[in-house]
Amino acid sequence: MDINDFEGDIIKDTAVILYHEHVNKNSWNALLAALETENVLEGRDMDIFIIESQWDLLQKINELLRTHALLHVCFSLFTSQFFEIKWLVKNLKRRYGKKLQLIAGGPHPTGDPRRTLDIGVDIGVLGEGEKTFSELLKHVKNNDDIRKVKGIYFINEQGKHQYIGKRSFIQLDDYRSFPKHQFKRFGPIEITRGCPHACYFCQTPHIFGTKPRHRSIESICEHVDDLVEQFKDHTDVRFVAPNAFSYGSIDGKKLNLNKIEELLRTTKDRFSKKGRLFFGTFPSEARPEHVIPASLELIKKYASNDNIVIGAQSGSQKILDSCNRGHSVEDICKAVELTTKYKLKAIVDFIFGLPGENESDVEKTIKVMKDLTKLGATIHAHYFMPLPQTPFSSKAPGFLKGNLLNVIEKLTSNGNLFGSWKRQAQLAKKFLKQRSSK
């Protein structure tokens, strides 16, 4: 049952709307679970509505403003959504003014809180949102001053930007990956946060830290049991981690194969043979140096996936080093060779337009992509976007031309390359234009 289905007294002064786009599903699942854990919904004396389209959002706002004086509209925001949400916020402010208080959290507000407020958002939720968002809604519920909540960012009465302190990182076992009681929502199970590799294009270590935090197998099994109860023989179990094979590792670099096997064996034992367990594939990838015979044998023994996703990013060692990747081009090629040897498909991530690329670097990447596709790999193509708070946040992306475009077109037509790189390239150009205009 959704919280929207609850009946009871309507609080006339305020209501909360969660704008839930599909790309933000996992983020909202974690936040909704946190609301249950922190007993924010206890007593049902605050209306919370989950809205999944812009049209429905406008309809719900118009409906609620007949009975509520103020609405809190909440967004979870990736950088890739920035211009879309900017347009939406501008129109909401123009149409409804101070009848709405707009709240945004997620990677982009965390990395670029000033610009998030500049587009019209009233409050930014920075960093991990479980504690901050729950406390924020408790203040809304009790009509307390929300500007005292630790972890938020806003413009104060003097017109100055104000940040109410950074929170400590959470322990994953303290919060679930998806809610269990008031909300019927399911998804992948987050098993690890934090990444020690700190690649210069990636926000993950800047939001979640460089020391891995792992969910216990007991907590993971509780999630699996909930999935089995809901989906019975059609249970699919997927995991979220910055690097799948880092689970159980103290430093996130040295593999703990015993812990990974315990995770896979224990979870697989909890559902029928008709259920499926996925590991090392979407929504988590594997670092190439972690693709070794022992790790592939675990996938073949326990997992249902016929592929693994390998993060390569470039075929130039110079570019890998300048991105602080911490692995070699040889590691990439060995990982794909081993993957195909174990009769698994290799899906290999590459990022086009990385800072510092010259023609020689591009040609090296082209050669590696061709060599990998000859081995049977499929290229998952991305385009570099300067994400806030990263070492590459101020770097301009390179632009695709000549031989690389021809190779991309040919690989795409042969079914050897896919991805949203064109849309990402357009977004990168918009960010570059916006930066130069300022």
Protein backbone atom coordinates (compact mmCIF):
# COMPACT_ATOMS: atom_id res chain seq x y z
CA MET A 1 0.00 0.00 0.00
CA ASP A 2 1.29 3.45 -0.91
CA ILE A 3 1.26 6.23 1.65
CA ASN A 4 -1.06 8.06 -0.75
CA ASP A 5 -3.73 5.47 0.05
CA PHE A 6 -3.85 6.28 3.75
CA GLU A 7 -6.96 7.98 5.01
CA GLY A 8 -7.15 10.35 7.95
CA ASP A 9 -7.26 13.96 8.96
CA ILE A 10 -5.71 16.37 6.47
CA ILE A 11 -3.17 18.80 7.87
CA LYS A 12 -4.26 22.04 6.25
CA ASP A 13 -1.04 24.00 6.65
CA THR A 14 1.34 21.82 4.62
CA ALA A 15 1.90 18.69 2.54
CA VAL A 16 4.98 17.07 1.00
CA ILE A 17 5.37 16.01 -2.64
CA LEU A 18 8.22 13.73 -3.70
CA TYR A 19 8.99 14.10 -7.42
CA HIS A 20 10.03 10.56 -8.33
CA GLU A 21 11.59 10.16 -11.78
CA HIS A 22 12.66 6.66 -12.79
CA VAL A 23 16.36 7.52 -12.88
CA ASN A 24 16.13 8.49 -9.18
CA LYS A 25 14.32 5.30 -8.15
CA ASN A 26 17.12 3.84 -6.01
CA SER A 27 17.71 7.17 -4.26
CA TRP A 28 14.05 7.58 -3.39
CA ASN A 29 13.79 3.95 -2.26
CA ALA A 30 16.57 4.58 0.26
CA LEU A 31 15.00 7.84 1.45
CA LEU A 32 11.52 6.34 1.80
CA ALA A 33 13.04 3.48 3.79
CA ALA A 34 14.77 6.03 6.02
CA LEU A 35 11.43 7.78 6.68
CA GLU A 36 10.11 4.46 7.97
CA THR A 37 13.21 3.78 10.07
CA GLU A 38 13.11 7.24 11.66
CA ASN A 39 9.34 6.98 12.30
CA VAL A 40 8.68 10.16 10.34
CA LEU A 41 5.30 8.81 9.23
CA GLU A 42 4.20 7.79 12.71
CA GLY A 43 0.68 9.00 13.40
CA ARG A 44 -0.04 9.67 9.71
CA ASP A 45 -0.56 13.36 10.46
CA MET A 46 1.43 14.60 7.46
CA ASP A 47 0.42 14.05 3.86
CA ILE A 48 3.15 12.70 1.58
CA PHE A 49 2.50 12.23 -2.12
CA ILE A 50 4.74 10.47 -4.63
CA ILE A 51 4.46 11.93 -8.15
CA GLU A 52 6.16 10.46 -11.21
CA SER A 53 5.55 12.92 -14.07
CA GLN A 54 5.59 16.68 -14.58
CA TRP A 55 1.95 16.69 -15.66
CA ASP A 56 0.85 14.79 -12.55
CA LEU A 57 3.02 17.10 -10.44
CA LEU A 58 1.17 20.19 -11.69
CA GLN A 59 -2.18 18.49 -11.23
CA LYS A 60 -1.37 17.48 -7.65
CA ILE A 61 -0.06 20.94 -6.75
CA ASN A 62 -3.23 22.58 -8.05
CA GLU A 63 -5.35 20.08 -6.12
CA LEU A 64 -3.45 20.39 -2.83
CA LEU A 65 -3.29 24.17 -2.84
CA ARG A 66 -7.08 24.17 -2.42
CA THR A 67 -6.64 22.67 1.04
CA HIS A 68 -3.03 23.46 2.04
CA ALA A 69 -1.36 26.82 2.52
CA LEU A 70 2.17 25.59 1.72
CA LEU A 71 3.59 22.64 -0.19
CA HIS A 72 7.10 21.21 0.11
CA VAL A 73 8.15 19.79 -3.28
CA CYS A 74 11.23 17.54 -3.12
CA PHE A 75 13.60 16.51 -5.91
CA SER A 76 16.50 14.08 -6.13
CA LEU A 77 18.90 15.48 -8.70
CA PHE A 78 21.74 14.12 -10.83
CA THR A 79 23.85 16.55 -12.85
CA SER A 80 22.41 14.99 -16.02
CA GLN A 81 18.97 16.26 -14.89
CA PHE A 82 20.12 19.79 -14.08
CA PHE A 83 18.70 21.64 -17.08
CA GLU A 84 15.41 19.73 -17.00
CA ILE A 85 14.90 20.47 -13.29
CA LYS A 86 16.07 24.07 -13.80
CA TRP A 87 13.28 24.58 -16.33
CA LEU A 88 10.72 22.89 -14.06
CA VAL A 89 11.76 24.90 -10.98
CA LYS A 90 11.60 28.17 -12.92
CA ASN A 91 8.05 27.43 -14.04
CA LEU A 92 6.92 26.29 -10.60
CA LYS A 93 8.29 29.48 -9.03
CA ARG A 94 6.68 31.65 -11.68
CA ARG A 95 3.30 29.97 -11.32
CA TYR A 96 3.08 29.37 -7.57
CA GLY A 97 5.64 31.64 -5.91
CA LYS A 98 5.90 31.34 -2.14
CA LYS A 99 3.14 28.74 -1.96
CA LEU A 100 5.86 26.18 -2.68
CA GLN A 101 9.07 25.44 -0.85
CA LEU A 102 11.42 23.53 -3.15
CA ILE A 103 13.89 21.05 -1.66
CA ALA A 104 16.59 19.25 -3.68
CA GLY A 105 19.12 16.60 -2.70
CA GLY A 106 21.36 14.16 -4.49
CA PRO A 107 24.72 14.33 -6.27
CA HIS A 108 24.29 17.68 -7.99
CA PRO A 109 23.08 19.74 -5.00
CA THR A 110 25.82 18.10 -2.91
CA GLY A 111 28.51 19.06 -5.39
CA ASP A 112 27.16 22.44 -6.48
CA PRO A 113 24.80 23.80 -3.80
CA ARG A 114 25.16 27.45 -4.82
CA ARG A 115 24.02 26.89 -8.39
CA THR A 116 21.23 24.63 -7.15
CA LEU A 117 19.86 27.54 -5.11
CA ASP A 118 20.51 29.94 -7.98
CA ILE A 119 17.97 28.12 -10.17
CA GLY A 120 15.25 28.67 -7.56
CA VAL A 121 15.57 25.76 -5.12
CA ASP A 122 14.98 26.94 -1.54
CA ILE A 123 16.83 24.23 0.39
CA GLY A 124 19.62 21.88 -0.65
CA VAL A 125 20.13 18.57 1.15
CA LEU A 126 23.86 17.85 0.98
CA GLY A 127 25.58 14.47 1.26
CA GLU A 128 23.91 11.26 2.36
CA GLY A 129 20.24 12.03 2.77
CA GLU A 130 18.88 9.38 5.12
CA LYS A 131 19.30 11.30 8.38
CA THR A 132 19.05 14.82 6.98
CA PHE A 133 15.92 14.27 4.90
CA SER A 134 14.17 12.41 7.72
CA GLU A 135 14.97 15.17 10.20
CA LEU A 136 13.90 17.79 7.68
CA LEU A 137 10.46 16.22 7.25
CA LYS A 138 10.11 15.81 11.02
CA HIS A 139 10.61 19.58 11.31
CA VAL A 140 8.03 20.13 8.56
CA LYS A 141 5.62 17.79 10.34
CA ASN A 142 6.03 19.57 13.68
CA ASN A 143 6.06 23.04 12.13
CA ASP A 144 9.59 23.64 13.49
CA ASP A 145 12.22 25.86 11.90
CA ILE A 146 13.72 23.61 9.22
CA ARG A 147 16.72 25.93 8.84
CA LYS A 148 18.20 24.34 11.97
CA VAL A 149 18.54 20.90 10.35
CA LYS A 150 22.14 19.73 10.02
CA GLY A 151 23.22 18.98 6.46
CA ILE A 152 21.09 21.56 4.62
CA TYR A 153 22.06 24.60 2.55
CA PHE A 154 19.93 27.72 2.07
CA ILE A 155 19.95 31.50 1.74
CA ASN A 156 19.42 33.15 5.13
CA GLU A 157 17.57 36.33 6.06
CA GLN A 158 20.68 38.40 5.29
CA GLY A 159 20.75 37.03 1.73
CA LYS A 160 23.87 34.93 2.40
CA HIS A 161 24.37 31.25 1.63
CA GLN A 162 24.38 29.18 4.81
CA TYR A 163 25.37 25.55 5.41
CA ILE A 164 24.26 23.86 8.63
CA GLY A 165 27.21 21.49 9.08
CA LYS A 166 28.25 18.17 7.60
CA ARG A 167 26.85 14.92 8.99
CA SER A 168 28.85 11.81 9.73
CA PHE A 169 28.52 8.94 7.28
CA ILE A 170 25.80 6.40 8.09
CA GLN A 171 26.23 2.69 8.67
CA LEU A 172 24.36 0.83 5.93
CA ASP A 173 22.82 -1.66 8.36
CA ASP A 174 21.04 1.22 10.11
CA TYR A 175 18.95 1.95 7.00
CA ARG A 176 17.35 -0.25 4.38
CA SER A 177 17.82 -0.01 0.61
CA PHE A 178 14.07 0.01 0.00
CA PRO A 179 11.05 0.50 2.27
CA LYS A 180 9.13 -2.34 3.85
CA HIS A 181 5.98 -1.07 5.53
CA GLN A 182 4.10 2.04 4.36
CA PHE A 183 5.51 1.95 0.84
CA LYS A 184 5.53 -1.06 -1.48
CA ARG A 185 8.68 -0.38 -3.48
CA PHE A 186 11.49 -2.73 -4.36
CA GLY A 187 14.82 -2.54 -6.15
CA PRO A 188 18.52 -3.41 -5.96
CA ILE A 189 20.15 -3.90 -2.58
CA GLU A 190 22.94 -1.46 -1.79
CA ILE A 191 25.80 -3.53 -0.37
CA THR A 192 28.70 -1.03 -0.35
CA ARG A 193 29.24 2.73 -0.16
CA GLY A 194 32.54 4.54 -0.56
CA CYS A 195 35.33 4.05 -3.09
CA PRO A 196 39.08 4.39 -2.47
CA HIS A 197 40.08 4.86 -6.11
CA ALA A 198 38.88 8.48 -6.37
CA CYS A 199 38.83 8.71 -10.18
CA TYR A 200 39.00 12.37 -11.10
CA PHE A 201 35.75 12.34 -13.12
CA CYS A 202 33.66 10.58 -10.44
CA GLN A 203 31.58 12.07 -7.61
CA THR A 204 31.23 8.87 -5.58
CA PRO A 205 34.22 9.30 -3.21
CA HIS A 206 33.39 12.98 -2.67
CA ILE A 207 29.83 12.17 -1.57
CA PHE A 208 30.31 8.81 0.16
CA GLY A 209 33.97 8.88 1.15
CA THR A 210 36.96 6.76 0.18
CA LYS A 211 36.64 4.13 2.92
CA PRO A 212 34.23 1.33 1.95
CA ARG A 213 31.24 0.67 4.18
CA HIS A 214 29.56 -2.70 3.65
CA ARG A 215 26.07 -3.91 4.48
CA SER A 216 26.15 -7.09 6.58
CA ILE A 217 25.04 -10.33 5.00
CA GLU A 218 22.30 -10.57 7.65
CA SER A 219 20.85 -7.24 6.52
CA ILE A 220 21.18 -8.23 2.85
CA CYS A 221 19.31 -11.48 3.55
CA GLU A 222 16.45 -9.53 5.16
CA HIS A 223 16.10 -7.60 1.90
CA VAL A 224 16.24 -10.82 -0.13
CA ASP A 225 13.49 -12.34 2.02
CA ASP A 226 11.29 -9.31 1.31
CA LEU A 227 11.87 -9.74 -2.42
CA VAL A 228 11.04 -13.45 -2.23
CA GLU A 229 7.85 -12.73 -0.28
CA GLN A 230 6.77 -10.26 -2.96
CA PHE A 231 7.89 -11.99 -6.16
CA LYS A 232 8.03 -15.69 -5.16
CA ASP A 233 9.58 -17.77 -8.01
CA HIS A 234 10.16 -14.63 -10.10
CA THR A 235 12.60 -13.07 -7.65
CA ASP A 236 15.50 -11.14 -9.17
CA VAL A 237 18.25 -10.05 -6.76
CA ARG A 238 20.60 -7.26 -7.85
CA PHE A 239 23.18 -5.33 -5.88
CA VAL A 240 24.41 -1.73 -5.88
CA ALA A 241 28.08 -0.98 -5.19
CA PRO A 242 30.70 1.35 -6.67
CA ASN A 243 32.67 -1.80 -7.53
CA ALA A 244 30.96 -5.17 -7.23
CA PHE A 245 34.08 -7.10 -6.25
CA SER A 246 34.94 -4.68 -3.46
CA TYR A 247 32.32 -6.22 -1.17
CA GLY A 248 33.83 -7.27 2.15
CA SER A 249 37.17 -5.64 1.38
CA ILE A 250 38.68 -3.51 4.13
CA ASP A 251 40.29 -1.02 1.75
CA GLY A 252 38.18 -1.60 -1.37
CA LYS A 253 41.27 -2.60 -3.35
CA LYS A 254 42.29 -6.02 -2.11
CA LEU A 255 39.64 -8.65 -2.87
CA ASN A 256 37.93 -10.58 -0.09
CA LEU A 257 36.82 -13.55 -2.15
CA ASN A 258 35.68 -15.55 0.88
CA LYS A 259 33.24 -12.79 1.85
CA ILE A 260 31.97 -12.45 -1.73
CA GLU A 261 31.35 -16.19 -1.89
CA GLU A 262 29.54 -16.11 1.46
CA LEU A 263 27.36 -13.27 0.14
CA LEU A 264 26.47 -15.10 -3.08
CA ARG A 265 25.98 -18.53 -1.50
CA THR A 266 23.89 -17.27 1.41
CA THR A 267 21.60 -15.08 -0.65
CA LYS A 268 21.09 -17.67 -3.39
CA ASP A 269 20.03 -20.24 -0.79
CA ARG A 270 17.08 -18.02 0.19
CA PHE A 271 15.06 -18.31 -3.01
CA SER A 272 13.95 -21.04 -5.39
CA LYS A 273 15.89 -22.24 -8.42
CA LYS A 274 13.56 -20.18 -10.60
CA GLY A 275 14.83 -16.98 -9.00
CA ARG A 276 17.86 -15.14 -10.36
CA LEU A 277 20.93 -13.58 -8.74
CA PHE A 278 22.96 -10.93 -10.60
CA PHE A 279 26.49 -9.88 -9.67
CA GLY A 280 29.09 -7.82 -11.50
CA THR A 281 26.55 -6.47 -13.93
CA PHE A 282 24.14 -3.51 -13.98
CA PRO A 283 23.74 -1.54 -11.73
CA SER A 284 27.29 -2.31 -10.53
CA GLU A 285 30.40 -2.74 -12.60
CA ALA A 286 33.76 -4.43 -11.97
CA ARG A 287 37.21 -2.90 -12.08
CA PRO A 288 39.37 -4.69 -14.69
CA GLU A 289 42.13 -5.71 -12.25
CA HIS A 290 39.47 -7.51 -10.16
CA VAL A 291 38.36 -9.67 -13.08
CA ILE A 292 40.46 -12.74 -12.33
CA PRO A 293 39.79 -16.50 -12.59
CA ALA A 294 38.72 -16.76 -8.94
CA SER A 295 36.16 -13.94 -9.19
CA LEU A 296 34.78 -15.21 -12.51
CA GLU A 297 34.41 -18.70 -11.06
CA LEU A 298 32.18 -17.28 -8.33
CA ILE A 299 29.97 -15.64 -10.93
CA LYS A 300 29.72 -18.85 -12.94
CA LYS A 301 28.92 -20.87 -9.80
CA TYR A 302 26.31 -18.62 -8.18
CA ALA A 303 25.11 -15.82 -10.48
CA SER A 304 22.53 -15.89 -13.26
CA ASN A 305 23.98 -13.11 -15.43
CA ASP A 306 25.58 -13.99 -18.75
CA ASN A 307 27.69 -10.81 -18.77
CA ILE A 308 29.79 -8.57 -16.56
CA VAL A 309 30.33 -4.82 -16.90
CA ILE A 310 33.99 -3.76 -16.86
CA GLY A 311 35.06 -0.17 -16.30
CA ALA A 312 37.81 0.67 -18.81
CA GLN A 313 37.17 4.38 -19.63
CA SER A 314 40.13 4.84 -22.04
CA GLY A 315 42.56 2.91 -24.21
CA SER A 316 45.36 5.37 -23.50
CA GLN A 317 47.57 4.70 -20.49
CA LYS A 318 48.37 8.40 -20.29
CA ILE A 319 44.68 9.25 -19.93
CA LEU A 320 44.07 6.43 -17.43
CA ASP A 321 46.90 7.79 -15.30
CA SER A 322 45.70 11.39 -15.60
CA CYS A 323 42.24 10.25 -14.41
CA ASN A 324 43.77 8.42 -11.41
CA ARG A 325 42.22 5.14 -12.53
CA GLY A 326 44.89 2.96 -10.91
CA HIS A 327 44.88 0.20 -13.54
CA SER A 328 46.51 -0.38 -16.91
CA VAL A 329 45.33 -0.87 -20.48
CA GLU A 330 46.76 -4.37 -20.18
CA ASP A 331 44.43 -4.99 -17.21
CA ILE A 332 41.47 -4.11 -19.45
CA CYS A 333 42.49 -6.48 -22.22
CA LYS A 334 43.23 -9.32 -19.80
CA ALA A 335 39.84 -8.84 -18.11
CA VAL A 336 37.98 -9.14 -21.42
CA GLU A 337 40.04 -12.15 -22.51
CA LEU A 338 39.31 -13.93 -19.23
CA THR A 339 35.63 -13.02 -19.33
CA THR A 340 35.17 -14.51 -22.79
CA LYS A 341 37.22 -17.55 -21.76
CA TYR A 342 34.67 -18.16 -19.00
CA LYS A 343 31.90 -17.84 -21.59
CA LEU A 344 30.57 -14.57 -20.23
CA LYS A 345 29.89 -11.48 -22.32
CA ALA A 346 32.05 -8.46 -21.58
CA ILE A 347 30.35 -5.06 -21.61
CA VAL A 348 33.12 -2.48 -21.42
CA ASP A 349 32.61 1.15 -20.36
CA PHE A 350 34.51 3.85 -22.24
CA ILE A 351 34.27 7.63 -21.73
CA PHE A 352 34.82 9.79 -24.80
CA GLY A 353 36.11 13.35 -24.55
CA LEU A 354 38.15 12.95 -21.35
CA PRO A 355 40.26 16.00 -20.46
CA GLY A 356 43.73 16.06 -21.96
CA GLU A 357 43.01 13.67 -24.83
CA ASN A 358 44.93 14.33 -28.01
CA GLU A 359 44.74 12.62 -31.38
CA SER A 360 47.21 9.95 -30.31
CA ASP A 361 45.16 9.08 -27.20
CA VAL A 362 42.01 8.81 -29.30
CA GLU A 363 43.70 6.48 -31.79
CA LYS A 364 44.88 4.26 -28.93
CA THR A 365 41.33 4.09 -27.59
CA ILE A 366 40.01 3.22 -31.05
CA LYS A 367 42.53 0.38 -31.36
CA VAL A 368 41.65 -1.04 -27.94
CA MET A 369 37.90 -0.86 -28.66
CA LYS A 370 38.40 -2.66 -31.99
CA ASP A 371 40.57 -5.33 -30.36
CA LEU A 372 38.01 -5.89 -27.58
CA THR A 373 35.07 -6.18 -29.97
CA LYS A 374 37.02 -8.79 -31.96
CA LEU A 375 37.17 -10.76 -28.71
CA GLY A 376 33.38 -10.48 -28.47
CA ALA A 377 33.06 -7.47 -26.15
CA THR A 378 30.38 -4.82 -26.44
CA ILE A 379 31.31 -1.18 -25.86
CA HIS A 380 29.12 0.89 -23.54
CA ALA A 381 29.90 4.45 -24.62
CA HIS A 382 29.73 7.52 -22.38
CA TYR A 383 30.76 11.11 -22.87
CA PHE A 384 32.70 13.10 -20.30
CA MET A 385 30.64 15.50 -18.21
CA PRO A 386 32.38 17.83 -15.74
CA LEU A 387 30.66 16.81 -12.50
CA PRO A 388 30.72 19.26 -9.59
CA GLN A 389 33.09 18.68 -6.67
CA THR A 390 35.38 16.42 -8.70
CA PRO A 391 38.98 17.27 -9.69
CA PHE A 392 37.73 17.49 -13.30
CA SER A 393 34.80 19.80 -12.46
CA SER A 394 36.41 22.76 -14.24
CA LYS A 395 37.75 20.78 -17.19
CA ALA A 396 36.28 21.26 -20.65
CA PRO A 397 35.29 18.08 -22.50
CA GLY A 398 36.94 17.24 -25.77
CA PHE A 399 34.74 17.06 -28.85
CA LEU A 400 34.36 14.07 -31.13
CA LYS A 401 35.41 14.26 -34.74
CA GLY A 402 37.00 12.41 -37.61
CA ASN A 403 38.04 8.81 -37.27
CA LEU A 404 36.48 8.26 -33.84
CA LEU A 405 33.00 9.21 -35.07
CA ASN A 406 33.38 6.85 -38.02
CA VAL A 407 34.44 4.02 -35.72
CA ILE A 408 31.56 4.70 -33.31
CA GLU A 409 29.08 4.64 -36.19
CA LYS A 410 30.47 1.38 -37.54
CA LEU A 411 30.57 -0.33 -34.15
CA THR A 412 27.02 0.85 -33.45
CA SER A 413 25.70 -0.46 -36.76
CA ASN A 414 27.35 -3.83 -36.05
CA GLY A 415 25.71 -4.01 -32.63
CA ASN A 416 29.08 -3.68 -30.88
CA LEU A 417 28.50 -0.28 -29.25
CA PHE A 418 25.61 1.36 -27.40
CA GLY A 419 25.03 4.14 -24.89
CA SER A 420 23.66 7.63 -24.29
CA TRP A 421 26.89 9.40 -25.25
CA LYS A 422 25.17 11.75 -27.71
CA ARG A 423 22.82 13.13 -25.07
CA GLN A 424 25.69 13.39 -22.60
CA ALA A 425 27.74 15.31 -25.19
CA GLN A 426 24.88 17.78 -25.65
CA LEU A 427 24.62 18.28 -21.89
CA ALA A 428 28.38 18.77 -21.60
CA LYS A 429 28.22 21.49 -24.26
CA LYS A 430 25.40 23.22 -22.38
CA PHE A 431 27.41 23.21 -19.16
CA LEU A 432 30.44 24.55 -21.01
CA LYS A 433 28.34 27.32 -22.57
CA GLN A 434 26.79 28.19 -19.21
CA ARG A 435 30.22 28.38 -17.57
CA SER A 436 31.68 30.60 -20.31
CA SER A 437 28.66 32.94 -20.17
CA LYS A 438 29.33 33.56 -16.47
